[in-house]
Amino acid sequence: MSETASPARTAPPPADPKRWKALVFIALAQLMVVLDATIVNIALPSAQQDLGISDGNRQWVITAYALAFGGLLLFGGRIADLWGRKRTFVTGLIGFALASALGGAAQGEAMMLGARALQGVFGALLAPAALSLLAVMFTDGKERAKAFGIYGAIAGGGGAVGLILGGFLTEYLNWRWTFFVNIPFAIIAAVGAYFVIRDPAGSRNRSSLDIPGVVLSTLGLVSLVYGFTRAESVGWSDASTVGLFVASAVLLIAFVVTESRVKSPLLPLRVLLDRNRGGVYLSLGLAVISMFGLFLFLTYYLQIVKGYSPVKTGFAFLPMIAGMITGSTQIGARLMTRVPPRLLMGPGFLVAAVGMLILTQLEIGSSYAGLLLPGQLLLGLGMGTAFMPAMSLATHGVEPRDSGVASAMVNTSQQVGGAIGTALLNTIAASATTSYLKDHLGSATSKPAQQLVQLQGMVQGYTSAIWFAVGILVLSAAIALGLITTGRPGATTVTGSTASGEGAEEDVKMPVIAH
């Protein structure tokens, strides 16, 4: 549809001249948040020993961060819309740096857990503000593709970088540096953002904050994430696990009902019910389930079964990082302005599934070069290709006043997916290992034979869970191909508007589901 065909449409605001400088600081902040999700995992055994944290409570070092981050993301996204993205972004960075300093200086269990929860709180302010700044600063289709390619590569590969950095810091310095390393990242990003970034005129949402929505969504998401965490430690049929899932369902249903009735909702249902964005949130969340579980299994496989050091383990993940960066910047970014997003996301998830399928063949003596390297490379390549258009499409066509909360939904789907993936796939792996040991341990008479059977049982558990991850990735591909219907940016879409230049703001704004 041409510009003259729609007299009501206004020309887009001129592009921010400092947008590429701003991208450097936004990317740096995103890298810090993503790093923190994995860097602490490698340092956890050392920190647990130093601080005297019990085995029963050590999971809370991970869970406290995940609960605060996942539970408050929607609230953080709305704060960015109401208060201004730049202000929210800088506040999140300063708070994250202070919380990291507190974690690095922790003298006991309570101080450590408090610091991790605070990191989650400020991360929930920071992450949606970063993504929504990109969404409102890059309006040209090709530039947007390039910017989101860089962002997608960092979002996808940052977790693996965290494993390398965590290994180095823990092995050669001290576990406390896995916290202190955030401080220079945060200071550089905050100072740079303060001087370079500006909120586009008219992009702030002036409505009041939906307090019932904040309470219901936060409690609902916390219950959901904590329910999966409990399932991992006490089992799926435990009364507390079931109670948390029931509470989560009731709270989230109440949240949706509330959002459909209040004047200024925390999460406007127009953001969620758009067929394209809904497809992105769902397929991305499912794909992350498989990714997070695999990170965990490969880390244990390489360190316990293969005997790799923390640093060597980190480097062993490099093919996945290389694949993600290539998929994001060389395939996704180059093709995003030429082909519909579903034709990048669907095949991307399927290529990742093939990589995961290769990893189902893991054995104790598997060759790194012959099996782990190609599997990781394909997994990274597919995920990078799919993540790139997903990140862009999730915020494209959203009205500027909703871009913070739409960005928060991308992060929420990833955080909830990560929590579910870790718990679900870990439980599947543990069940398969237990079953294998029950059948084979009795026949092993010598100690070396018993140790071999135990290692075989672990690998059996990992491969059983990886098969589930393959299925999840195939489902992600099906959802992306079936639900996402928007055409390629720059061409006529199903809504009859363009996705680049003057028409960018109109793209995929109307919920296709309502047709």
Protein backbone atom coordinates (compact mmCIF):
# COMPACT_ATOMS: atom_id res chain seq x y z
CA MET A 1 0.00 0.00 0.00
CA SER A 2 1.48 3.35 -0.96
CA GLU A 3 1.97 6.32 1.32
CA THR A 4 -0.77 8.31 -0.48
CA ALA A 5 -3.27 5.52 0.00
CA SER A 6 -3.37 6.12 3.73
CA PRO A 7 -3.75 9.82 4.49
CA ALA A 8 -3.89 9.21 8.25
CA ARG A 9 -0.40 7.73 8.30
CA THR A 10 2.32 10.13 9.40
CA ALA A 11 5.92 10.05 8.22
CA PRO A 12 8.26 8.28 10.63
CA PRO A 13 10.46 10.42 12.87
CA PRO A 14 13.98 11.01 11.54
CA ALA A 15 16.46 8.31 12.54
CA ASP A 16 18.47 9.02 15.67
CA PRO A 17 21.95 10.12 14.49
CA LYS A 18 23.59 8.40 17.49
CA ARG A 19 21.71 5.11 17.10
CA TRP A 20 24.82 3.02 16.19
CA LYS A 21 26.78 4.38 19.15
CA ALA A 22 23.77 3.63 21.33
CA LEU A 23 23.74 0.04 20.02
CA VAL A 24 27.26 -0.50 21.44
CA PHE A 25 26.11 0.32 24.99
CA ILE A 26 22.79 -1.53 24.64
CA ALA A 27 24.65 -4.63 23.38
CA LEU A 28 27.17 -4.36 26.24
CA ALA A 29 24.34 -4.27 28.81
CA GLN A 30 22.59 -7.22 27.15
CA LEU A 31 25.84 -9.20 27.16
CA MET A 32 26.22 -8.54 30.90
CA VAL A 33 22.69 -9.77 31.68
CA VAL A 34 23.02 -12.90 29.50
CA LEU A 35 26.50 -13.67 30.87
CA ASP A 36 25.14 -13.57 34.39
CA ALA A 37 22.68 -16.34 33.63
CA THR A 38 25.54 -18.86 33.09
CA ILE A 39 28.74 -17.38 34.54
CA VAL A 40 27.66 -18.11 38.13
CA ASN A 41 26.91 -21.78 37.32
CA ILE A 42 30.63 -22.55 36.83
CA ALA A 43 31.57 -20.65 40.01
CA LEU A 44 28.83 -22.19 42.17
CA PRO A 45 30.78 -25.19 43.60
CA SER A 46 33.60 -22.87 44.82
CA ALA A 47 31.19 -20.24 46.20
CA GLN A 48 29.15 -22.93 47.98
CA GLN A 49 32.24 -24.25 49.74
CA ASP A 50 33.54 -20.78 50.75
CA LEU A 51 30.23 -19.50 52.08
CA GLY A 52 29.08 -22.76 53.71
CA ILE A 53 25.89 -23.02 51.64
CA SER A 54 24.16 -26.37 52.12
CA ASP A 55 23.43 -28.73 49.20
CA GLY A 56 19.72 -28.15 49.78
CA ASN A 57 20.06 -24.38 49.45
CA ARG A 58 22.68 -24.09 46.69
CA GLN A 59 20.00 -24.09 43.96
CA TRP A 60 18.72 -20.82 45.43
CA VAL A 61 21.83 -19.02 44.13
CA ILE A 62 20.39 -19.71 40.64
CA THR A 63 16.68 -19.68 41.59
CA ALA A 64 16.72 -16.34 43.49
CA TYR A 65 17.95 -14.61 40.30
CA ALA A 66 15.53 -16.47 38.00
CA LEU A 67 12.49 -15.81 40.22
CA ALA A 68 13.13 -12.08 40.60
CA PHE A 69 14.07 -11.64 36.93
CA GLY A 70 11.30 -13.77 35.42
CA GLY A 71 8.63 -12.54 37.84
CA LEU A 72 9.29 -8.81 37.42
CA LEU A 73 10.01 -8.56 33.67
CA LEU A 74 6.52 -7.40 32.67
CA PHE A 75 6.61 -4.81 35.46
CA GLY A 76 10.07 -3.67 34.28
CA GLY A 77 8.82 -3.39 30.69
CA ARG A 78 5.89 -1.22 31.73
CA ILE A 79 8.14 0.96 33.92
CA ALA A 80 10.29 1.57 30.81
CA ASP A 81 7.19 2.68 28.88
CA LEU A 82 5.94 4.96 31.68
CA TRP A 83 9.16 6.36 33.13
CA GLY A 84 11.26 6.54 29.96
CA ARG A 85 13.52 3.89 28.48
CA LYS A 86 16.81 5.72 28.94
CA ARG A 87 16.14 6.48 32.61
CA THR A 88 15.02 2.88 33.28
CA PHE A 89 18.02 1.49 31.39
CA VAL A 90 20.59 3.57 33.31
CA THR A 91 18.88 2.88 36.67
CA GLY A 92 18.88 -0.87 35.90
CA LEU A 93 22.61 -0.77 35.05
CA ILE A 94 23.59 1.10 38.24
CA GLY A 95 21.44 -1.21 40.39
CA PHE A 96 22.86 -4.31 38.69
CA ALA A 97 26.42 -3.10 39.35
CA LEU A 98 25.67 -2.49 43.05
CA ALA A 99 23.99 -5.90 43.41
CA SER A 100 27.00 -7.55 41.71
CA ALA A 101 29.37 -5.80 44.12
CA LEU A 102 27.26 -7.09 47.01
CA GLY A 103 27.40 -10.66 45.61
CA GLY A 104 31.15 -10.53 45.09
CA ALA A 105 31.64 -9.30 48.66
CA ALA A 106 29.18 -11.83 50.18
CA GLN A 107 30.27 -13.22 53.54
CA GLY A 108 27.47 -15.72 53.98
CA GLU A 109 24.47 -17.47 52.46
CA ALA A 110 21.89 -14.74 53.20
CA MET A 111 24.04 -11.97 51.68
CA MET A 112 24.66 -14.05 48.54
CA LEU A 113 20.98 -14.92 48.02
CA GLY A 114 19.93 -11.30 48.64
CA ALA A 115 22.47 -10.07 46.09
CA ARG A 116 21.24 -12.58 43.49
CA ALA A 117 17.61 -11.53 44.02
CA LEU A 118 18.62 -7.85 43.63
CA GLN A 119 20.48 -8.69 40.41
CA GLY A 120 17.23 -10.23 39.15
CA VAL A 121 15.19 -7.15 40.11
CA PHE A 122 17.50 -4.71 38.29
CA GLY A 123 17.93 -7.14 35.37
CA ALA A 124 14.14 -7.05 34.97
CA LEU A 125 14.36 -3.25 34.58
CA LEU A 126 17.36 -3.37 32.29
CA ALA A 127 16.54 -6.14 29.77
CA PRO A 128 13.18 -4.88 28.40
CA ALA A 129 14.44 -1.26 28.35
CA ALA A 130 17.43 -2.35 26.21
CA LEU A 131 15.33 -4.21 23.64
CA SER A 132 12.64 -1.52 23.45
CA LEU A 133 15.31 1.18 22.89
CA LEU A 134 16.43 -0.79 19.83
CA ALA A 135 12.83 -1.13 18.69
CA VAL A 136 12.16 2.63 18.76
CA MET A 137 15.61 3.86 17.60
CA PHE A 138 15.99 1.69 14.47
CA THR A 139 13.08 2.39 12.12
CA ASP A 140 14.63 1.57 8.71
CA GLY A 141 14.10 -2.08 7.69
CA LYS A 142 17.70 -2.87 6.66
CA GLU A 143 19.30 -1.04 9.57
CA ARG A 144 16.87 -2.71 11.96
CA ALA A 145 17.84 -6.12 10.57
CA LYS A 146 21.54 -5.40 11.14
CA ALA A 147 20.97 -4.04 14.68
CA PHE A 148 18.82 -6.98 15.70
CA GLY A 149 21.33 -9.37 14.13
CA ILE A 150 24.02 -8.07 16.50
CA TYR A 151 21.60 -8.12 19.44
CA GLY A 152 20.38 -11.64 18.58
CA ALA A 153 23.96 -12.97 18.35
CA ILE A 154 24.70 -11.58 21.82
CA ALA A 155 21.44 -12.87 23.28
CA GLY A 156 22.07 -16.34 21.84
CA GLY A 157 25.83 -16.69 22.28
CA GLY A 158 26.28 -14.74 25.53
CA GLY A 159 25.39 -17.74 27.68
CA ALA A 160 28.21 -19.81 26.18
CA VAL A 161 30.62 -16.86 26.54
CA GLY A 162 29.61 -16.83 30.22
CA LEU A 163 30.79 -20.44 30.56
CA ILE A 164 34.23 -19.57 29.14
CA LEU A 165 34.60 -16.42 31.23
CA GLY A 166 33.28 -18.18 34.34
CA GLY A 167 35.82 -20.97 33.82
CA PHE A 168 38.73 -18.55 33.48
CA LEU A 169 37.76 -16.40 36.45
CA THR A 170 37.06 -19.36 38.75
CA GLU A 171 40.17 -21.32 37.75
CA TYR A 172 42.72 -18.49 37.67
CA LEU A 173 41.32 -15.82 40.03
CA ASN A 174 38.42 -16.43 42.42
CA TRP A 175 34.68 -17.14 42.18
CA ARG A 176 34.02 -13.58 43.48
CA TRP A 177 35.26 -12.20 40.15
CA THR A 178 32.26 -13.75 38.38
CA PHE A 179 30.31 -11.02 40.18
CA PHE A 180 32.88 -8.21 40.11
CA VAL A 181 33.30 -8.57 36.33
CA ASN A 182 29.80 -7.07 35.89
CA ILE A 183 30.82 -3.75 37.46
CA PRO A 184 33.03 -2.37 34.61
CA PHE A 185 30.45 -3.61 32.05
CA ALA A 186 27.68 -1.75 33.89
CA ILE A 187 29.64 1.48 34.46
CA ILE A 188 30.78 1.75 30.82
CA ALA A 189 27.26 1.00 29.53
CA ALA A 190 25.58 3.43 31.99
CA VAL A 191 27.96 6.34 31.28
CA GLY A 192 27.74 5.73 27.52
CA ALA A 193 23.95 5.45 27.59
CA TYR A 194 23.61 8.65 29.65
CA PHE A 195 25.49 10.69 27.06
CA VAL A 196 24.47 8.95 23.82
CA ILE A 197 20.92 7.58 24.16
CA ARG A 198 17.79 9.68 24.02
CA ASP A 199 14.16 8.57 24.10
CA PRO A 200 12.39 9.35 20.80
CA ALA A 201 9.82 12.13 21.19
CA GLY A 202 6.30 10.93 21.98
CA SER A 203 7.32 7.35 22.76
CA ARG A 204 6.52 7.49 26.46
CA ASN A 205 3.26 6.05 27.78
CA ARG A 206 1.60 8.61 30.08
CA SER A 207 -1.07 6.32 31.55
CA SER A 208 -1.16 5.18 35.17
CA LEU A 209 0.45 1.94 36.42
CA ASP A 210 -1.82 -1.11 36.65
CA ILE A 211 -1.09 -2.22 40.24
CA PRO A 212 -3.44 -5.29 40.25
CA GLY A 213 -1.80 -6.42 36.99
CA VAL A 214 1.68 -6.01 38.51
CA VAL A 215 0.75 -8.08 41.60
CA LEU A 216 -1.07 -10.85 39.68
CA SER A 217 1.56 -11.22 36.91
CA THR A 218 4.50 -11.15 39.33
CA LEU A 219 2.97 -13.72 41.71
CA GLY A 220 1.76 -15.87 38.78
CA LEU A 221 5.15 -15.98 37.04
CA VAL A 222 7.05 -16.49 40.31
CA SER A 223 4.73 -19.41 41.17
CA LEU A 224 5.26 -20.93 37.71
CA VAL A 225 9.07 -20.62 37.77
CA TYR A 226 9.27 -21.82 41.39
CA GLY A 227 6.91 -24.72 40.60
CA PHE A 228 9.34 -26.06 37.99
CA THR A 229 12.25 -25.53 40.38
CA ARG A 230 10.43 -27.50 43.10
CA ALA A 231 9.56 -30.26 40.61
CA GLU A 232 13.25 -30.71 39.89
CA SER A 233 14.16 -31.16 43.57
CA VAL A 234 11.10 -32.88 45.17
CA GLY A 235 9.25 -34.40 42.19
CA TRP A 236 6.22 -33.56 40.02
CA SER A 237 3.61 -35.22 42.24
CA ASP A 238 4.70 -33.48 45.48
CA ALA A 239 1.87 -31.46 47.06
CA SER A 240 3.93 -28.23 47.07
CA THR A 241 4.76 -28.61 43.35
CA VAL A 242 1.13 -29.22 42.38
CA GLY A 243 -0.01 -26.36 44.64
CA LEU A 244 2.40 -23.93 42.96
CA PHE A 245 1.22 -24.90 39.46
CA VAL A 246 -2.44 -24.54 40.47
CA ALA A 247 -1.74 -21.17 42.11
CA SER A 248 0.15 -20.04 39.00
CA ALA A 249 -2.74 -21.01 36.69
CA VAL A 250 -5.32 -19.22 38.87
CA LEU A 251 -3.18 -16.06 39.19
CA LEU A 252 -2.36 -15.88 35.46
CA ILE A 253 -6.01 -16.42 34.44
CA ALA A 254 -7.00 -13.67 36.90
CA PHE A 255 -4.28 -11.49 35.33
CA VAL A 256 -5.67 -11.98 31.80
CA VAL A 257 -9.23 -11.20 33.00
CA THR A 258 -7.96 -8.07 34.79
CA GLU A 259 -6.01 -6.89 31.72
CA SER A 260 -9.13 -7.16 29.55
CA ARG A 261 -11.06 -4.86 31.89
CA VAL A 262 -8.73 -2.17 33.26
CA LYS A 263 -8.27 1.16 31.50
CA SER A 264 -4.42 1.11 31.42
CA PRO A 265 -3.35 -2.57 31.48
CA LEU A 266 0.17 -3.69 32.39
CA LEU A 267 0.13 -6.03 29.36
CA PRO A 268 -2.35 -4.78 26.73
CA LEU A 269 -3.88 -7.90 25.20
CA ARG A 270 -3.41 -6.30 21.76
CA VAL A 271 0.33 -6.98 22.22
CA LEU A 272 -0.18 -10.62 23.14
CA LEU A 273 -3.04 -11.62 20.83
CA ASP A 274 -1.38 -10.52 17.61
CA ARG A 275 -0.93 -13.81 15.76
CA ASN A 276 2.64 -13.04 14.69
CA ARG A 277 3.91 -11.85 18.05
CA GLY A 278 2.10 -14.68 19.84
CA GLY A 279 3.84 -17.13 17.51
CA VAL A 280 7.22 -15.54 18.29
CA TYR A 281 6.74 -15.64 22.07
CA LEU A 282 5.58 -19.26 22.02
CA SER A 283 8.16 -20.68 19.57
CA LEU A 284 11.03 -18.77 21.20
CA GLY A 285 10.03 -19.87 24.71
CA LEU A 286 9.91 -23.53 23.61
CA ALA A 287 13.26 -23.31 21.79
CA VAL A 288 14.91 -21.86 24.89
CA ILE A 289 13.63 -24.85 26.91
CA SER A 290 15.81 -27.13 24.78
CA MET A 291 18.80 -24.75 24.78
CA PHE A 292 19.03 -24.28 28.56
CA GLY A 293 18.73 -28.00 29.24
CA LEU A 294 21.50 -28.76 26.74
CA PHE A 295 23.91 -26.20 28.27
CA LEU A 296 23.51 -27.94 31.61
CA PHE A 297 23.98 -31.49 30.22
CA LEU A 298 26.99 -30.66 28.05
CA THR A 299 28.70 -28.83 30.95
CA TYR A 300 28.35 -31.92 33.19
CA TYR A 301 29.20 -34.33 30.36
CA LEU A 302 32.41 -32.48 29.48
CA GLN A 303 33.57 -31.99 33.10
CA ILE A 304 32.49 -35.25 34.76
CA VAL A 305 32.47 -37.80 31.92
CA LYS A 306 35.29 -36.37 29.76
CA GLY A 307 37.27 -34.79 32.63
CA TYR A 308 37.58 -31.31 31.09
CA SER A 309 38.67 -28.37 33.26
CA PRO A 310 36.26 -25.38 33.62
CA VAL A 311 38.29 -23.37 31.08
CA LYS A 312 38.48 -26.24 28.57
CA THR A 313 34.71 -26.76 29.01
CA GLY A 314 34.10 -23.11 28.18
CA PHE A 315 36.22 -23.33 25.04
CA ALA A 316 34.41 -26.52 24.04
CA PHE A 317 31.27 -24.39 23.57
CA LEU A 318 32.96 -22.11 21.01
CA PRO A 319 31.47 -23.86 17.94
CA MET A 320 27.99 -23.09 19.27
CA ILE A 321 28.91 -19.41 19.72
CA ALA A 322 30.46 -19.28 16.24
CA GLY A 323 27.32 -20.87 14.78
CA MET A 324 25.05 -18.39 16.56
CA ILE A 325 27.02 -15.34 15.48
CA THR A 326 27.13 -16.60 11.87
CA GLY A 327 23.42 -17.47 11.89
CA SER A 328 22.43 -14.10 13.36
CA THR A 329 24.65 -11.68 11.48
CA GLN A 330 25.38 -13.46 8.17
CA ILE A 331 22.16 -15.42 7.50
CA GLY A 332 19.37 -13.85 9.58
CA ALA A 333 20.36 -10.20 9.12
CA ARG A 334 21.06 -10.59 5.37
CA LEU A 335 17.86 -12.49 4.55
CA MET A 336 15.45 -10.75 6.94
CA THR A 337 14.63 -7.97 4.47
CA ARG A 338 14.16 -10.49 1.64
CA VAL A 339 12.16 -13.41 3.01
CA PRO A 340 9.22 -13.74 5.44
CA PRO A 341 10.29 -14.26 9.10
CA ARG A 342 8.64 -17.71 9.29
CA LEU A 343 10.94 -18.94 6.49
CA LEU A 344 13.94 -18.05 8.65
CA MET A 345 12.54 -19.13 12.02
CA GLY A 346 11.00 -22.47 10.96
CA PRO A 347 14.03 -23.79 9.03
CA GLY A 348 16.34 -22.28 11.69
CA PHE A 349 14.67 -24.31 14.45
CA LEU A 350 14.78 -27.43 12.23
CA VAL A 351 18.54 -27.03 11.58
CA ALA A 352 18.99 -26.65 15.36
CA ALA A 353 16.93 -29.84 15.82
CA VAL A 354 19.30 -31.70 13.45
CA GLY A 355 22.25 -30.49 15.55
CA MET A 356 20.46 -31.69 18.68
CA LEU A 357 19.70 -35.01 16.95
CA ILE A 358 23.45 -35.55 16.40
CA LEU A 359 23.99 -35.00 20.13
CA THR A 360 21.53 -37.82 21.00
CA GLN A 361 24.34 -40.17 19.87
CA LEU A 362 26.58 -39.17 22.80
CA GLU A 363 28.53 -41.98 24.45
CA ILE A 364 31.32 -42.03 27.04
CA GLY A 365 33.99 -42.28 24.36
CA SER A 366 32.38 -39.91 21.80
CA SER A 367 34.83 -37.88 19.74
CA TYR A 368 34.64 -34.11 20.26
CA ALA A 369 35.57 -33.34 16.63
CA GLY A 370 33.38 -36.11 15.18
CA LEU A 371 30.18 -35.54 17.17
CA LEU A 372 30.13 -32.63 19.63
CA LEU A 373 31.60 -30.07 17.22
CA PRO A 374 29.20 -30.61 14.27
CA GLY A 375 26.21 -30.98 16.61
CA GLN A 376 26.95 -27.68 18.36
CA LEU A 377 27.74 -25.89 15.10
CA LEU A 378 24.38 -26.82 13.55
CA LEU A 379 22.54 -26.04 16.78
CA GLY A 380 24.14 -22.58 16.99
CA LEU A 381 23.64 -21.86 13.29
CA GLY A 382 19.95 -22.75 13.44
CA MET A 383 19.27 -20.88 16.69
CA GLY A 384 21.12 -17.76 15.52
CA THR A 385 19.17 -17.70 12.25
CA ALA A 386 15.85 -18.11 14.09
CA PHE A 387 16.58 -15.75 17.02
CA MET A 388 17.37 -12.81 14.78
CA PRO A 389 13.98 -12.32 13.06
CA ALA A 390 12.20 -13.42 16.26
CA MET A 391 13.78 -10.59 18.28
CA SER A 392 12.87 -8.05 15.62
CA LEU A 393 9.35 -9.30 14.88
CA ALA A 394 8.45 -9.44 18.59
CA THR A 395 8.70 -5.65 18.80
CA HIS A 396 8.02 -4.63 15.19
CA GLY A 397 4.75 -2.86 14.51
CA VAL A 398 4.07 -2.34 18.22
CA GLU A 399 2.99 1.18 19.09
CA PRO A 400 5.89 3.05 20.76
CA ARG A 401 3.91 3.34 24.02
CA ASP A 402 3.84 -0.50 24.23
CA SER A 403 7.38 -1.30 23.06
CA GLY A 404 8.73 -1.79 26.61
CA VAL A 405 6.12 -4.37 27.56
CA ALA A 406 6.40 -6.14 24.16
CA SER A 407 10.17 -6.37 24.74
CA ALA A 408 9.54 -7.68 28.25
CA MET A 409 7.40 -10.49 26.78
CA VAL A 410 10.39 -11.66 24.66
CA ASN A 411 12.55 -11.78 27.79
CA THR A 412 9.75 -13.36 29.84
CA SER A 413 9.27 -16.18 27.29
CA GLN A 414 13.05 -16.83 27.42
CA GLN A 415 13.31 -16.70 31.23
CA VAL A 416 10.27 -18.91 31.82
CA GLY A 417 11.47 -21.22 29.02
CA GLY A 418 14.91 -21.42 30.64
CA ALA A 419 13.47 -22.26 34.08
CA ILE A 420 11.14 -24.87 32.60
CA GLY A 421 13.92 -26.34 30.42
CA THR A 422 16.37 -26.76 33.28
CA ALA A 423 13.79 -28.44 35.54
CA LEU A 424 11.92 -30.50 32.93
CA LEU A 425 14.91 -31.91 31.05
CA ASN A 426 16.87 -32.44 34.27
CA THR A 427 14.00 -34.49 35.69
CA ILE A 428 13.79 -36.59 32.49
CA ALA A 429 17.58 -37.15 32.58
CA ALA A 430 17.53 -38.12 36.28
CA SER A 431 14.69 -40.64 35.73
CA ALA A 432 16.49 -42.26 32.77
CA THR A 433 19.76 -42.46 34.75
CA THR A 434 18.03 -44.04 37.77
CA SER A 435 16.30 -46.60 35.52
CA TYR A 436 19.59 -47.48 33.77
CA LEU A 437 21.47 -47.91 37.07
CA LYS A 438 18.68 -50.10 38.47
CA ASP A 439 19.01 -52.45 35.47
CA HIS A 440 22.82 -52.52 35.14
CA LEU A 441 24.52 -51.70 38.46
CA GLY A 442 23.84 -55.13 39.99
CA SER A 443 25.92 -56.92 37.36
CA ALA A 444 28.98 -54.72 38.00
CA THR A 445 31.09 -56.43 40.67
CA SER A 446 34.34 -54.41 40.78
CA LYS A 447 34.63 -50.73 41.69
CA PRO A 448 35.94 -49.67 38.21
CA ALA A 449 33.02 -51.54 36.60
CA GLN A 450 30.55 -49.74 38.90
CA GLN A 451 32.07 -46.36 38.09
CA LEU A 452 31.79 -47.15 34.37
CA VAL A 453 28.12 -48.12 34.73
CA GLN A 454 27.44 -44.87 36.65
CA LEU A 455 29.02 -42.80 33.86
CA GLN A 456 27.05 -44.77 31.26
CA GLY A 457 23.90 -44.11 33.29
CA MET A 458 24.61 -40.36 33.29
CA VAL A 459 25.15 -40.30 29.52
CA GLN A 460 21.98 -42.38 29.04
CA GLY A 461 20.09 -39.76 31.07
CA TYR A 462 21.48 -36.89 29.00
CA THR A 463 20.67 -38.51 25.65
CA SER A 464 17.12 -39.39 26.78
CA ALA A 465 16.52 -35.73 27.69
CA ILE A 466 18.15 -34.50 24.45
CA TRP A 467 15.61 -36.59 22.47
CA PHE A 468 12.86 -34.57 24.16
CA ALA A 469 14.73 -31.37 23.25
CA VAL A 470 14.72 -32.48 19.57
CA GLY A 471 10.93 -32.87 19.73
CA ILE A 472 10.55 -29.45 21.37
CA LEU A 473 12.58 -27.79 18.58
CA VAL A 474 10.47 -29.48 15.89
CA LEU A 475 7.36 -28.16 17.69
CA SER A 476 8.93 -24.65 17.75
CA ALA A 477 9.46 -24.87 13.98
CA ALA A 478 5.85 -25.99 13.43
CA ILE A 479 4.51 -23.07 15.52
CA ALA A 480 6.73 -20.56 13.70
CA LEU A 481 5.67 -21.87 10.26
CA GLY A 482 2.00 -22.17 11.22
CA LEU A 483 1.30 -19.04 13.28
CA ILE A 484 3.62 -16.37 11.85
CA THR A 485 2.02 -15.04 8.68
CA THR A 486 3.56 -11.61 8.15
CA GLY A 487 5.32 -11.13 4.81
CA ARG A 488 8.91 -10.10 4.22
CA PRO A 489 9.85 -6.56 5.32
CA GLY A 490 9.55 -4.21 2.38
CA ALA A 491 6.82 -6.25 0.67
CA THR A 492 3.07 -6.24 1.06
CA THR A 493 2.12 -8.18 4.15
CA VAL A 494 -1.09 -9.90 5.17
CA THR A 495 -2.15 -6.66 6.81
CA GLY A 496 -1.48 -4.83 3.60
CA SER A 497 1.28 -2.57 4.89
CA THR A 498 5.02 -2.42 4.57
CA ALA A 499 7.55 -3.29 7.16
CA SER A 500 10.24 -0.86 6.25
CA GLY A 501 10.48 2.85 5.71
CA GLU A 502 7.23 4.78 6.10
CA GLY A 503 5.12 1.71 6.74
CA ALA A 504 7.20 0.22 9.51
CA GLU A 505 5.00 1.39 12.33
CA GLU A 506 1.91 -0.15 10.75
CA ASP A 507 3.35 -3.62 10.14
CA VAL A 508 1.64 -6.50 11.97
CA LYS A 509 -0.18 -4.05 14.23
CA MET A 510 -3.63 -5.50 13.57
CA PRO A 511 -4.18 -8.89 15.22
CA VAL A 512 -4.60 -11.37 12.38
CA ILE A 513 -6.36 -13.60 14.88
CA ALA A 514 -9.32 -11.22 14.83
CA HIS A 515 -9.96 -11.60 11.07
